[in-house]
């Protein structure tokens, strides 16, 4: 049985799909405050701060000035300092060792 490929999306539709996926990712990360940034870095090579940096870079590429605090608030769903005080825990020696070994960073 052959499955016909889907019709290609237009550029506008692709942008809408990309934006929807981004919003879902951000909502998921906001809901999973139990997952620490160091865990994300160790497993995936990026974290919420990386995503905020990419968001800020995308804005700059479009001529929009979004500062670091505003970009982080968009990703965290609250000011970064508030998220840190409510959800961030100290990294364990194992997490720190994994981070040092992998030296992860976002693209």
N, C-alpha and C. Protein backbone atom coordinates (compact mmCIF):
# COMPACT_ATOMS: atom_id res chain seq x y z
N UNK A 1 0.84 -1.18 0.00
CA UNK A 1 0.00 0.00 0.00
C UNK A 1 0.88 1.24 0.00
N UNK A 2 0.63 2.16 -0.89
CA UNK A 2 1.38 3.39 -0.98
C UNK A 2 0.56 4.52 -0.39
N UNK A 3 1.20 5.30 0.43
CA UNK A 3 0.53 6.45 1.04
C UNK A 3 0.98 7.69 0.30
N UNK A 4 0.04 8.44 -0.20
CA UNK A 4 0.36 9.66 -0.94
C UNK A 4 0.93 10.70 0.01
N UNK A 5 1.95 11.41 -0.43
CA UNK A 5 2.49 12.46 0.44
C UNK A 5 1.48 13.58 0.62
N UNK A 6 1.59 14.26 1.73
CA UNK A 6 0.72 15.41 1.99
C UNK A 6 1.04 16.52 1.00
N UNK A 7 0.06 17.35 0.78
CA UNK A 7 0.29 18.51 -0.08
C UNK A 7 1.28 19.43 0.62
N UNK A 8 2.20 20.00 -0.14
CA UNK A 8 3.18 20.90 0.50
C UNK A 8 2.50 22.13 1.09
N UNK A 9 2.99 22.56 2.21
CA UNK A 9 2.45 23.75 2.86
C UNK A 9 3.00 24.98 2.15
N UNK A 10 2.20 26.02 2.14
CA UNK A 10 2.68 27.30 1.63
C UNK A 10 3.66 27.88 2.67
N UNK A 11 4.39 28.91 2.28
CA UNK A 11 5.30 29.55 3.23
C UNK A 11 4.54 30.08 4.45
N UNK A 12 3.37 30.66 4.21
CA UNK A 12 2.58 31.19 5.33
C UNK A 12 2.10 30.07 6.23
N UNK A 13 1.67 28.96 5.64
CA UNK A 13 1.22 27.82 6.44
C UNK A 13 2.39 27.23 7.23
N UNK A 14 3.56 27.15 6.61
CA UNK A 14 4.74 26.64 7.30
C UNK A 14 5.07 27.51 8.50
N UNK A 15 5.00 28.82 8.33
CA UNK A 15 5.25 29.74 9.43
C UNK A 15 4.23 29.53 10.55
N UNK A 16 2.95 29.34 10.19
CA UNK A 16 1.91 29.09 11.20
C UNK A 16 2.19 27.78 11.94
N UNK A 17 2.59 26.74 11.22
CA UNK A 17 2.89 25.46 11.85
C UNK A 17 4.10 25.58 12.77
N UNK A 18 5.14 26.25 12.30
CA UNK A 18 6.33 26.46 13.13
C UNK A 18 5.98 27.23 14.40
N UNK A 19 5.16 28.28 14.25
CA UNK A 19 4.77 29.08 15.42
C UNK A 19 3.94 28.25 16.40
N UNK A 20 3.05 27.41 15.88
CA UNK A 20 2.23 26.56 16.76
C UNK A 20 3.12 25.57 17.52
N UNK A 21 4.10 24.99 16.83
CA UNK A 21 5.01 24.06 17.50
C UNK A 21 5.82 24.79 18.57
N UNK A 22 6.28 26.00 18.27
CA UNK A 22 7.02 26.79 19.24
C UNK A 22 6.17 27.09 20.47
N UNK A 23 4.92 27.51 20.25
CA UNK A 23 4.04 27.82 21.39
C UNK A 23 3.80 26.58 22.24
N UNK A 24 3.67 25.43 21.60
CA UNK A 24 3.48 24.18 22.35
C UNK A 24 4.72 23.83 23.15
N UNK A 25 5.90 24.00 22.56
CA UNK A 25 7.15 23.74 23.28
C UNK A 25 7.28 24.66 24.49
N UNK A 26 7.01 25.94 24.30
CA UNK A 26 7.11 26.90 25.40
C UNK A 26 6.12 26.54 26.50
N UNK A 27 4.89 26.22 26.14
CA UNK A 27 3.89 25.84 27.15
C UNK A 27 4.32 24.58 27.89
N UNK A 28 4.89 23.64 27.17
CA UNK A 28 5.36 22.41 27.80
C UNK A 28 6.49 22.70 28.80
N UNK A 29 7.44 23.53 28.39
CA UNK A 29 8.54 23.87 29.29
C UNK A 29 8.05 24.66 30.50
N UNK A 30 7.05 25.51 30.31
CA UNK A 30 6.49 26.25 31.44
C UNK A 30 5.77 25.31 32.40
N UNK A 31 5.10 24.31 31.87
CA UNK A 31 4.38 23.35 32.72
C UNK A 31 5.33 22.40 33.44
N UNK A 32 6.50 22.17 32.87
CA UNK A 32 7.45 21.23 33.45
C UNK A 32 8.58 21.96 34.17
N UNK A 33 8.20 22.77 35.13
CA UNK A 33 9.20 23.51 35.91
C UNK A 33 10.05 22.58 36.76
N UNK A 34 9.63 21.31 36.89
CA UNK A 34 10.44 20.34 37.61
C UNK A 34 11.68 19.94 36.83
N UNK A 35 11.66 20.15 35.54
CA UNK A 35 12.82 19.83 34.71
C UNK A 35 13.77 21.02 34.74
N UNK A 36 14.93 20.78 35.28
CA UNK A 36 15.91 21.85 35.44
C UNK A 36 16.65 22.13 34.13
N UNK A 37 17.11 23.36 33.97
CA UNK A 37 17.85 23.72 32.76
C UNK A 37 19.10 22.85 32.58
N UNK A 38 19.77 22.51 33.66
CA UNK A 38 20.97 21.68 33.52
C UNK A 38 20.62 20.31 32.97
N UNK A 39 19.45 19.79 33.32
CA UNK A 39 19.00 18.51 32.76
C UNK A 39 18.76 18.64 31.26
N UNK A 40 18.10 19.72 30.87
CA UNK A 40 17.89 19.97 29.44
C UNK A 40 19.22 20.08 28.71
N UNK A 41 20.16 20.83 29.30
CA UNK A 41 21.48 20.99 28.67
C UNK A 41 22.20 19.65 28.54
N UNK A 42 22.15 18.86 29.59
CA UNK A 42 22.86 17.58 29.57
C UNK A 42 22.25 16.60 28.59
N UNK A 43 20.95 16.63 28.44
CA UNK A 43 20.27 15.68 27.56
C UNK A 43 20.10 16.17 26.13
N UNK A 44 19.82 17.46 25.97
CA UNK A 44 19.47 17.96 24.64
C UNK A 44 20.44 19.00 24.10
N UNK A 45 21.32 19.51 24.95
CA UNK A 45 22.29 20.50 24.48
C UNK A 45 21.75 21.91 24.40
N UNK A 46 20.54 22.13 24.93
CA UNK A 46 19.98 23.48 25.00
C UNK A 46 19.04 23.55 26.20
N UNK A 47 18.72 24.77 26.61
CA UNK A 47 17.82 24.94 27.74
C UNK A 47 16.89 26.11 27.48
N UNK A 48 16.12 26.48 28.48
CA UNK A 48 15.20 27.60 28.33
C UNK A 48 15.93 28.89 28.00
N UNK A 49 17.10 29.09 28.60
CA UNK A 49 17.87 30.31 28.31
C UNK A 49 18.33 30.33 26.86
N UNK A 50 18.73 29.19 26.33
CA UNK A 50 19.10 29.11 24.91
C UNK A 50 17.91 29.50 24.04
N UNK A 51 16.75 28.94 24.36
CA UNK A 51 15.54 29.24 23.59
C UNK A 51 15.22 30.73 23.65
N UNK A 52 15.39 31.34 24.82
CA UNK A 52 15.17 32.78 24.95
C UNK A 52 16.18 33.56 24.11
N UNK A 53 17.42 33.10 24.08
CA UNK A 53 18.43 33.77 23.24
C UNK A 53 18.06 33.67 21.76
N UNK A 54 17.59 32.50 21.33
CA UNK A 54 17.19 32.32 19.93
C UNK A 54 15.99 33.21 19.60
N UNK A 55 15.09 33.34 20.54
CA UNK A 55 13.92 34.20 20.37
C UNK A 55 14.38 35.66 20.21
N UNK A 56 15.29 36.08 21.06
CA UNK A 56 15.83 37.43 20.99
C UNK A 56 16.57 37.65 19.67
N UNK A 57 17.35 36.66 19.24
CA UNK A 57 18.07 36.75 17.96
C UNK A 57 17.10 36.86 16.79
N UNK A 58 16.02 36.09 16.82
CA UNK A 58 15.02 36.13 15.75
C UNK A 58 14.36 37.50 15.69
N UNK A 59 14.08 38.06 16.85
CA UNK A 59 13.50 39.41 16.89
C UNK A 59 14.47 40.43 16.29
N UNK A 60 15.73 40.33 16.68
CA UNK A 60 16.73 41.27 16.16
C UNK A 60 16.86 41.15 14.64
N UNK A 61 16.78 39.92 14.13
CA UNK A 61 16.87 39.71 12.68
C UNK A 61 15.71 40.37 11.94
N UNK A 62 14.60 40.57 12.64
CA UNK A 62 13.43 41.24 12.06
C UNK A 62 13.39 42.72 12.40
N UNK A 63 14.45 43.23 13.05
CA UNK A 63 14.51 44.64 13.39
C UNK A 63 13.75 45.01 14.65
N UNK A 64 13.41 44.00 15.47
CA UNK A 64 12.69 44.25 16.72
C UNK A 64 13.66 44.19 17.89
N UNK A 65 13.56 45.15 18.77
CA UNK A 65 14.42 45.19 19.95
C UNK A 65 13.70 44.53 21.12
N UNK A 66 14.12 43.32 21.46
CA UNK A 66 13.59 42.63 22.63
C UNK A 66 14.77 42.35 23.54
N UNK A 67 14.72 42.87 24.76
CA UNK A 67 15.86 42.66 25.64
C UNK A 67 15.85 41.26 26.25
N UNK A 68 16.96 40.93 26.87
CA UNK A 68 17.16 39.59 27.44
C UNK A 68 16.08 39.24 28.45
N UNK A 69 15.73 40.18 29.32
CA UNK A 69 14.72 39.92 30.34
C UNK A 69 13.35 39.64 29.71
N UNK A 70 12.98 40.39 28.69
CA UNK A 70 11.69 40.18 28.02
C UNK A 70 11.67 38.84 27.28
N UNK A 71 12.77 38.49 26.64
CA UNK A 71 12.85 37.20 25.94
C UNK A 71 12.74 36.05 26.93
N UNK A 72 13.42 36.16 28.04
CA UNK A 72 13.34 35.09 29.05
C UNK A 72 11.94 35.01 29.65
N UNK A 73 11.30 36.14 29.90
CA UNK A 73 9.95 36.13 30.45
C UNK A 73 8.99 35.44 29.47
N UNK A 74 9.20 35.63 28.18
CA UNK A 74 8.35 34.96 27.17
C UNK A 74 8.50 33.44 27.28
N UNK A 75 9.70 32.96 27.49
CA UNK A 75 9.95 31.52 27.55
C UNK A 75 9.55 30.95 28.91
N UNK A 76 9.90 31.62 29.97
CA UNK A 76 9.63 31.12 31.32
C UNK A 76 8.19 31.35 31.78
N UNK A 77 7.50 32.31 31.15
CA UNK A 77 6.13 32.62 31.55
C UNK A 77 6.07 33.52 32.77
N UNK A 78 7.20 34.05 33.15
CA UNK A 78 7.32 34.95 34.31
C UNK A 78 8.74 35.53 34.26
N UNK A 79 9.00 36.56 35.05
CA UNK A 79 10.38 37.06 35.10
C UNK A 79 11.34 35.94 35.53
N UNK A 80 12.51 35.93 34.91
CA UNK A 80 13.50 34.87 35.16
C UNK A 80 13.85 34.76 36.64
N UNK A 81 14.02 35.89 37.31
CA UNK A 81 14.36 35.86 38.75
C UNK A 81 13.26 35.16 39.55
N UNK A 82 12.00 35.37 39.17
CA UNK A 82 10.89 34.70 39.86
C UNK A 82 10.96 33.20 39.63
N UNK A 83 11.21 32.79 38.37
CA UNK A 83 11.31 31.36 38.07
C UNK A 83 12.44 30.73 38.86
N UNK A 84 13.57 31.42 38.90
CA UNK A 84 14.71 30.89 39.67
C UNK A 84 14.35 30.66 41.12
N UNK A 85 13.73 31.65 41.74
CA UNK A 85 13.41 31.52 43.17
C UNK A 85 12.34 30.47 43.44
N UNK A 86 11.42 30.27 42.50
CA UNK A 86 10.33 29.30 42.69
C UNK A 86 10.72 27.88 42.29
N UNK A 87 11.57 27.73 41.28
CA UNK A 87 11.74 26.40 40.68
C UNK A 87 13.18 25.90 40.58
N UNK A 88 14.15 26.79 40.54
CA UNK A 88 15.52 26.32 40.31
C UNK A 88 16.12 25.72 41.57
N UNK A 89 16.73 24.56 41.38
CA UNK A 89 17.42 23.89 42.48
C UNK A 89 18.91 23.87 42.18
N UNK A 90 19.70 23.64 43.20
CA UNK A 90 21.14 23.54 43.00
C UNK A 90 21.45 22.28 42.19
N UNK A 91 22.40 22.41 41.29
CA UNK A 91 22.81 21.26 40.48
C UNK A 91 23.57 20.27 41.36
N UNK A 92 23.25 19.01 41.17
CA UNK A 92 23.94 17.96 41.93
C UNK A 92 25.35 17.76 41.38
N UNK A 93 26.22 17.15 42.15
CA UNK A 93 27.56 16.85 41.62
C UNK A 93 27.49 16.01 40.34
N UNK A 94 26.53 15.10 40.24
CA UNK A 94 26.37 14.28 39.04
C UNK A 94 25.96 15.13 37.84
N UNK A 95 25.04 16.06 38.05
CA UNK A 95 24.62 16.95 36.97
C UNK A 95 25.78 17.83 36.51
N UNK A 96 26.53 18.34 37.48
CA UNK A 96 27.67 19.19 37.14
C UNK A 96 28.73 18.42 36.37
N UNK A 97 28.98 17.17 36.79
CA UNK A 97 29.98 16.33 36.09
C UNK A 97 29.53 16.02 34.67
N UNK A 98 28.25 15.71 34.49
CA UNK A 98 27.72 15.45 33.15
C UNK A 98 27.82 16.69 32.27
N UNK A 99 27.55 17.84 32.85
CA UNK A 99 27.64 19.10 32.11
C UNK A 99 29.08 19.36 31.69
N UNK A 100 30.01 19.18 32.61
CA UNK A 100 31.43 19.40 32.32
C UNK A 100 31.93 18.44 31.23
N UNK A 101 31.46 17.21 31.27
CA UNK A 101 31.88 16.21 30.30
C UNK A 101 31.31 16.51 28.90
N UNK A 102 30.04 16.84 28.84
CA UNK A 102 29.38 17.06 27.54
C UNK A 102 29.66 18.44 26.95
N UNK A 103 29.91 19.40 27.83
CA UNK A 103 30.08 20.79 27.40
C UNK A 103 28.99 21.19 26.38
N UNK A 104 27.72 20.98 26.76
CA UNK A 104 26.64 21.27 25.81
C UNK A 104 26.43 22.76 25.60
N UNK A 105 25.94 23.11 24.49
CA UNK A 105 25.54 24.47 24.19
C UNK A 105 24.61 24.44 23.00
N UNK A 106 23.74 25.42 22.94
CA UNK A 106 22.83 25.51 21.81
C UNK A 106 23.56 26.01 20.56
N UNK A 107 22.94 25.82 19.39
CA UNK A 107 23.59 26.27 18.15
C UNK A 107 23.70 27.76 18.04
